[in-house]
Amino acid sequence: MTTKSLLLLAAALASSATLQAKEIEVSQKTKAFMLQKSPVQALHVNVGDAVSFRNDDPFFHNVYSESAAKAFDLGSYPQGQAKKVVFDKEGIVDIECAIHPDMKLRVEVAK
């Protein structure tokens, strides 16, 4: 194969992987993580998927994780705002709210 063929193949594979990635919306309501208006404590996603954390409470939330598979801190944000995290590595990601320590969500990221 020529270099040009390899580059085209790599681009095609990358674009097809991107098309398969999905975005899941998790809201924060009544000091709980919610999926489709129901409390959720565990979520299964694939590598490349994104989770959007929307604040539906009248007070601030700060979603973060110190997990080896995905460490992040979205910072404090008010009602009506959402922040997104792309899960780019396989593993377990334990997520909490820095302001409300009883809010916990485990994300299992699979290939």
N, C-alpha and C. Protein backbone atom coordinates (compact mmCIF):
# COMPACT_ATOMS: atom_id res chain seq x y z
N MET A 1 0.84 -1.19 0.00
CA MET A 1 0.00 0.00 0.00
C MET A 1 0.87 1.24 0.00
N THR A 2 0.40 2.24 -0.67
CA THR A 2 1.14 3.50 -0.71
C THR A 2 0.83 4.32 0.53
N THR A 3 1.65 5.31 0.77
CA THR A 3 1.43 6.21 1.91
C THR A 3 0.08 6.90 1.80
N LYS A 4 -0.25 7.31 0.58
CA LYS A 4 -1.53 7.99 0.37
C LYS A 4 -2.69 7.06 0.70
N SER A 5 -2.61 5.79 0.29
CA SER A 5 -3.66 4.81 0.59
C SER A 5 -3.81 4.60 2.08
N LEU A 6 -2.68 4.51 2.77
CA LEU A 6 -2.71 4.33 4.22
C LEU A 6 -3.35 5.52 4.91
N LEU A 7 -3.03 6.73 4.46
CA LEU A 7 -3.63 7.93 5.05
C LEU A 7 -5.13 7.97 4.82
N LEU A 8 -5.57 7.61 3.62
CA LEU A 8 -7.01 7.58 3.34
C LEU A 8 -7.72 6.52 4.18
N LEU A 9 -7.11 5.38 4.35
CA LEU A 9 -7.69 4.32 5.17
C LEU A 9 -7.78 4.77 6.63
N ALA A 10 -6.72 5.38 7.13
CA ALA A 10 -6.72 5.87 8.51
C ALA A 10 -7.80 6.93 8.71
N ALA A 11 -7.97 7.82 7.76
CA ALA A 11 -9.00 8.86 7.86
C ALA A 11 -10.39 8.25 7.84
N ALA A 12 -10.60 7.25 7.00
CA ALA A 12 -11.91 6.59 6.92
C ALA A 12 -12.23 5.88 8.23
N LEU A 13 -11.25 5.19 8.79
CA LEU A 13 -11.47 4.50 10.06
C LEU A 13 -11.75 5.49 11.19
N ALA A 14 -11.03 6.57 11.22
CA ALA A 14 -11.23 7.58 12.26
C ALA A 14 -12.62 8.20 12.15
N SER A 15 -13.06 8.49 10.94
CA SER A 15 -14.38 9.12 10.79
C SER A 15 -15.49 8.14 11.12
N SER A 16 -15.32 6.85 10.83
CA SER A 16 -16.37 5.89 11.18
C SER A 16 -16.44 5.68 12.68
N ALA A 17 -15.31 5.76 13.37
CA ALA A 17 -15.32 5.65 14.83
C ALA A 17 -16.03 6.85 15.44
N THR A 18 -15.80 8.03 14.87
CA THR A 18 -16.45 9.23 15.37
C THR A 18 -17.95 9.16 15.17
N LEU A 19 -18.40 8.62 14.04
CA LEU A 19 -19.83 8.52 13.77
C LEU A 19 -20.52 7.60 14.76
N GLN A 20 -19.82 6.63 15.30
CA GLN A 20 -20.41 5.68 16.22
C GLN A 20 -20.47 6.21 17.65
N ALA A 21 -19.69 7.21 17.96
CA ALA A 21 -19.70 7.77 19.32
C ALA A 21 -21.05 8.43 19.57
N LYS A 22 -21.52 8.33 20.81
CA LYS A 22 -22.80 8.94 21.15
C LYS A 22 -22.63 9.91 22.31
N GLU A 23 -23.62 10.76 22.48
CA GLU A 23 -23.64 11.69 23.61
C GLU A 23 -24.84 11.38 24.48
N ILE A 24 -24.59 11.22 25.76
CA ILE A 24 -25.62 10.90 26.73
C ILE A 24 -25.78 12.11 27.64
N GLU A 25 -27.02 12.48 27.92
CA GLU A 25 -27.26 13.62 28.81
C GLU A 25 -27.66 13.11 30.19
N VAL A 26 -26.88 13.51 31.18
CA VAL A 26 -27.17 13.22 32.58
C VAL A 26 -27.47 14.55 33.24
N SER A 27 -28.63 14.65 33.87
CA SER A 27 -28.96 15.90 34.55
C SER A 27 -28.63 15.76 36.04
N GLN A 28 -28.52 16.90 36.67
CA GLN A 28 -28.32 16.96 38.11
C GLN A 28 -29.56 17.65 38.67
N LYS A 29 -30.38 16.88 39.38
CA LYS A 29 -31.65 17.38 39.88
C LYS A 29 -31.88 16.83 41.27
N THR A 30 -32.33 17.66 42.18
CA THR A 30 -32.58 17.30 43.58
C THR A 30 -31.35 16.60 44.19
N LYS A 31 -30.18 17.16 43.90
CA LYS A 31 -28.91 16.64 44.41
C LYS A 31 -28.68 15.17 44.06
N ALA A 32 -29.05 14.81 42.82
CA ALA A 32 -28.83 13.44 42.33
C ALA A 32 -28.51 13.49 40.84
N PHE A 33 -27.77 12.49 40.38
CA PHE A 33 -27.55 12.33 38.95
C PHE A 33 -28.79 11.63 38.39
N MET A 34 -29.32 12.14 37.27
CA MET A 34 -30.56 11.62 36.70
C MET A 34 -30.35 11.28 35.23
N LEU A 35 -30.93 10.16 34.81
CA LEU A 35 -30.91 9.76 33.41
C LEU A 35 -32.37 9.57 33.00
N GLN A 36 -32.84 10.36 32.07
CA GLN A 36 -34.24 10.32 31.62
C GLN A 36 -35.20 10.44 32.81
N LYS A 37 -34.92 11.41 33.67
CA LYS A 37 -35.76 11.77 34.83
C LYS A 37 -35.79 10.73 35.94
N SER A 38 -34.87 9.75 35.91
CA SER A 38 -34.78 8.74 36.97
C SER A 38 -33.38 8.77 37.56
N PRO A 39 -33.27 8.61 38.88
CA PRO A 39 -31.94 8.58 39.50
C PRO A 39 -31.09 7.46 38.91
N VAL A 40 -29.81 7.75 38.72
CA VAL A 40 -28.89 6.76 38.16
C VAL A 40 -27.61 6.76 38.98
N GLN A 41 -27.10 5.56 39.27
CA GLN A 41 -25.85 5.43 40.02
C GLN A 41 -24.76 4.80 39.18
N ALA A 42 -25.13 4.18 38.05
CA ALA A 42 -24.15 3.56 37.16
C ALA A 42 -24.56 3.79 35.72
N LEU A 43 -23.56 3.96 34.89
CA LEU A 43 -23.79 4.24 33.47
C LEU A 43 -22.75 3.47 32.66
N HIS A 44 -23.17 2.88 31.56
CA HIS A 44 -22.26 2.13 30.68
C HIS A 44 -22.12 2.90 29.38
N VAL A 45 -20.88 3.21 29.01
CA VAL A 45 -20.59 3.91 27.76
C VAL A 45 -19.44 3.21 27.06
N ASN A 46 -19.22 3.60 25.80
CA ASN A 46 -18.10 3.07 25.04
C ASN A 46 -17.02 4.14 24.92
N VAL A 47 -15.79 3.70 24.68
CA VAL A 47 -14.69 4.64 24.45
C VAL A 47 -15.10 5.57 23.31
N GLY A 48 -14.93 6.86 23.52
CA GLY A 48 -15.30 7.86 22.53
C GLY A 48 -16.64 8.52 22.80
N ASP A 49 -17.47 7.89 23.63
CA ASP A 49 -18.76 8.49 23.97
C ASP A 49 -18.56 9.69 24.89
N ALA A 50 -19.53 10.60 24.85
CA ALA A 50 -19.49 11.79 25.69
C ALA A 50 -20.70 11.79 26.62
N VAL A 51 -20.51 12.33 27.80
CA VAL A 51 -21.62 12.55 28.73
C VAL A 51 -21.69 14.04 29.02
N SER A 52 -22.87 14.58 28.82
CA SER A 52 -23.14 15.98 29.11
C SER A 52 -23.83 16.05 30.47
N PHE A 53 -23.24 16.80 31.39
CA PHE A 53 -23.79 16.93 32.74
C PHE A 53 -24.52 18.28 32.82
N ARG A 54 -25.85 18.25 32.82
CA ARG A 54 -26.67 19.46 32.86
C ARG A 54 -27.16 19.72 34.29
N ASN A 55 -27.01 20.94 34.74
CA ASN A 55 -27.46 21.32 36.08
C ASN A 55 -28.90 21.81 36.01
N ASP A 56 -29.81 21.03 36.57
CA ASP A 56 -31.23 21.40 36.62
C ASP A 56 -31.64 21.83 38.03
N ASP A 57 -30.69 21.99 38.91
CA ASP A 57 -30.98 22.45 40.28
C ASP A 57 -30.82 23.97 40.37
N PRO A 58 -31.48 24.60 41.34
CA PRO A 58 -31.36 26.06 41.49
C PRO A 58 -30.08 26.48 42.23
N PHE A 59 -29.13 25.56 42.36
CA PHE A 59 -27.85 25.86 43.02
C PHE A 59 -26.72 25.25 42.20
N PHE A 60 -25.50 25.61 42.53
CA PHE A 60 -24.32 25.17 41.78
C PHE A 60 -24.00 23.70 42.03
N HIS A 61 -23.39 23.08 41.02
CA HIS A 61 -22.80 21.74 41.13
C HIS A 61 -21.38 21.81 40.59
N ASN A 62 -20.54 20.87 41.00
CA ASN A 62 -19.17 20.76 40.50
C ASN A 62 -18.84 19.28 40.32
N VAL A 63 -18.98 18.80 39.10
CA VAL A 63 -18.76 17.39 38.77
C VAL A 63 -17.27 17.16 38.53
N TYR A 64 -16.75 16.10 39.16
CA TYR A 64 -15.32 15.80 39.00
C TYR A 64 -15.07 14.31 39.17
N SER A 65 -13.88 13.89 38.76
CA SER A 65 -13.41 12.52 38.97
C SER A 65 -11.90 12.53 39.14
N GLU A 66 -11.42 11.70 40.03
CA GLU A 66 -9.98 11.51 40.22
C GLU A 66 -9.56 10.11 39.76
N SER A 67 -10.42 9.45 38.98
CA SER A 67 -10.15 8.08 38.52
C SER A 67 -9.01 8.04 37.51
N ALA A 68 -8.27 6.95 37.53
CA ALA A 68 -7.14 6.79 36.60
C ALA A 68 -7.62 6.75 35.15
N ALA A 69 -8.80 6.19 34.90
CA ALA A 69 -9.31 6.09 33.53
C ALA A 69 -9.74 7.44 32.97
N LYS A 70 -10.12 8.37 33.84
CA LYS A 70 -10.51 9.72 33.38
C LYS A 70 -10.59 10.65 34.58
N ALA A 71 -9.58 11.48 34.73
CA ALA A 71 -9.59 12.49 35.78
C ALA A 71 -10.01 13.82 35.16
N PHE A 72 -10.94 14.52 35.82
CA PHE A 72 -11.40 15.81 35.32
C PHE A 72 -12.08 16.58 36.45
N ASP A 73 -12.23 17.87 36.26
CA ASP A 73 -12.96 18.73 37.18
C ASP A 73 -13.66 19.78 36.33
N LEU A 74 -14.99 19.72 36.28
CA LEU A 74 -15.75 20.64 35.44
C LEU A 74 -15.94 22.01 36.07
N GLY A 75 -15.55 22.16 37.33
CA GLY A 75 -15.72 23.44 38.00
C GLY A 75 -17.19 23.66 38.36
N SER A 76 -17.44 24.68 39.18
CA SER A 76 -18.80 24.98 39.61
C SER A 76 -19.56 25.67 38.48
N TYR A 77 -20.82 25.25 38.29
CA TYR A 77 -21.65 25.91 37.28
C TYR A 77 -23.11 25.91 37.72
N PRO A 78 -23.84 26.95 37.28
CA PRO A 78 -25.20 27.19 37.77
C PRO A 78 -26.28 26.44 36.99
N GLN A 79 -27.49 26.59 37.47
CA GLN A 79 -28.66 26.00 36.82
C GLN A 79 -28.74 26.41 35.35
N GLY A 80 -29.10 25.45 34.52
CA GLY A 80 -29.27 25.71 33.10
C GLY A 80 -28.04 25.47 32.27
N GLN A 81 -26.88 25.37 32.88
CA GLN A 81 -25.65 25.12 32.12
C GLN A 81 -25.34 23.62 32.11
N ALA A 82 -24.61 23.22 31.07
CA ALA A 82 -24.16 21.83 30.93
C ALA A 82 -22.70 21.83 30.53
N LYS A 83 -21.99 20.81 30.98
CA LYS A 83 -20.59 20.63 30.60
C LYS A 83 -20.40 19.17 30.20
N LYS A 84 -19.54 18.96 29.20
CA LYS A 84 -19.39 17.65 28.58
C LYS A 84 -18.03 17.04 28.88
N VAL A 85 -18.03 15.71 29.02
CA VAL A 85 -16.81 14.94 29.20
C VAL A 85 -16.80 13.82 28.16
N VAL A 86 -15.70 13.68 27.41
CA VAL A 86 -15.54 12.59 26.46
C VAL A 86 -14.71 11.51 27.15
N PHE A 87 -15.21 10.30 27.16
CA PHE A 87 -14.51 9.18 27.79
C PHE A 87 -13.66 8.49 26.74
N ASP A 88 -12.35 8.72 26.81
CA ASP A 88 -11.44 8.28 25.76
C ASP A 88 -10.56 7.09 26.15
N LYS A 89 -10.86 6.50 27.30
CA LYS A 89 -10.05 5.38 27.77
C LYS A 89 -10.95 4.37 28.49
N GLU A 90 -10.70 3.10 28.25
CA GLU A 90 -11.47 2.03 28.89
C GLU A 90 -11.20 2.02 30.40
N GLY A 91 -12.22 1.72 31.20
CA GLY A 91 -12.04 1.59 32.64
C GLY A 91 -13.24 2.08 33.42
N ILE A 92 -13.05 2.15 34.73
CA ILE A 92 -14.10 2.60 35.65
C ILE A 92 -13.81 4.04 36.05
N VAL A 93 -14.83 4.89 35.95
CA VAL A 93 -14.69 6.29 36.33
C VAL A 93 -15.72 6.60 37.40
N ASP A 94 -15.24 6.87 38.61
CA ASP A 94 -16.12 7.24 39.72
C ASP A 94 -16.24 8.76 39.75
N ILE A 95 -17.47 9.24 39.66
CA ILE A 95 -17.75 10.67 39.55
C ILE A 95 -18.52 11.13 40.78
N GLU A 96 -18.20 12.34 41.23
CA GLU A 96 -18.89 12.93 42.38
C GLU A 96 -19.13 14.41 42.12
N CYS A 97 -19.92 14.99 42.98
CA CYS A 97 -20.09 16.44 43.01
C CYS A 97 -19.28 16.95 44.21
N ALA A 98 -18.38 17.88 43.95
CA ALA A 98 -17.53 18.41 45.02
C ALA A 98 -18.33 19.18 46.07
N ILE A 99 -19.48 19.70 45.69
CA ILE A 99 -20.31 20.49 46.59
C ILE A 99 -21.27 19.61 47.37
N HIS A 100 -21.76 18.53 46.75
CA HIS A 100 -22.72 17.62 47.37
C HIS A 100 -22.13 16.21 47.36
N PRO A 101 -21.37 15.83 48.38
CA PRO A 101 -20.61 14.57 48.37
C PRO A 101 -21.46 13.30 48.31
N ASP A 102 -22.76 13.40 48.54
CA ASP A 102 -23.61 12.21 48.41
C ASP A 102 -23.97 11.92 46.96
N MET A 103 -23.68 12.85 46.06
CA MET A 103 -23.94 12.63 44.63
C MET A 103 -22.79 11.83 44.04
N LYS A 104 -23.09 10.60 43.62
CA LYS A 104 -22.06 9.72 43.08
C LYS A 104 -22.61 9.02 41.83
N LEU A 105 -21.72 8.84 40.85
CA LEU A 105 -22.06 8.14 39.62
C LEU A 105 -20.85 7.35 39.17
N ARG A 106 -21.04 6.09 38.85
CA ARG A 106 -19.96 5.25 38.33
C ARG A 106 -20.21 5.05 36.83
N VAL A 107 -19.20 5.40 36.04
CA VAL A 107 -19.27 5.22 34.59
C VAL A 107 -18.31 4.09 34.22
N GLU A 108 -18.86 3.06 33.58
CA GLU A 108 -18.05 1.96 33.09
C GLU A 108 -17.84 2.17 31.61
N VAL A 109 -16.57 2.35 31.23
CA VAL A 109 -16.21 2.66 29.85
C VAL A 109 -15.63 1.40 29.21
N ALA A 110 -16.28 0.93 28.15
CA ALA A 110 -15.84 -0.29 27.45
C ALA A 110 -15.37 0.06 26.05
N LYS A 111 -14.55 -0.81 25.47
CA LYS A 111 -14.08 -0.61 24.08
C LYS A 111 -15.20 -0.85 23.10
